[in-house]
Amino acid sequence: MGDLTFYLKTGWEHIISWSAADHLLFILALAAIYLPENRKQVLILVTAFTIGHSLTLALSVYKLVSISSKWVEFLIPCTIMVTAVFNLAQKNFSNRSLQLNYLLALVFGLVHGLGFAAAIRFMLAGSQTLLVPLLGFNIGLELGQLVVMAAILLLAYIVVNKLHCRRQWWVWALSITAFVWAGYMAIQRLP
């Protein structure tokens, strides 16, 4: 149980910290088009992202996938920019358009998982089994992502539902912020 708790805490801290700004920014971009009434879709979205990064994290730890960390660190802000552009292109927020985000979360989760791999691989070197560390780390990540998503949904509720800001403006504000910040990161990380 001690190992599970350690890796759960490590996964949580990997998301809930400013050193994870790129991952927080991706969550912001993913969450931009959702409102609190979409909480079921948000749960699916976060799980799709976790499945994607869990898969590449496991493949990377087992050394079945290896991509230069410089390219991974560059591609992560690119995924944020693509997600932001997708948000900006939305004309309405139908269930179909919200569900397309699941695919983005899953596919881009694969890229983000490669970014997590470097952080966790050194911790797993002495581990006998990878199941407990990977499970704990991913549960911690999932919980951290859910807390961040909940905070964004709460802000959306206040801004859109209580302050009566147009939903489109809210989406644009979050998406443009994510795009600009990620663009700056991508330039800094050019391989």
Foldseek 3Di string as FASTA:
>chain_A
DVLLQVLLVVLLPCQPDVVVVLVLLLLLLLLLLDAPVCVVLNLLQLVLLLQQLLVLLVCVLVPVDDDDLLVLQLVSLVLLQVSLVLLLPDPDRDPVSNVVSSVSSNNSSNSVSNVVNVVCNVVCPPPPDCVSNSVSSSNSNSVNSVVSSVVSNVVCCCVCVVVVDDSSVSSNVSSVVSNVVSVVSNVVSPD
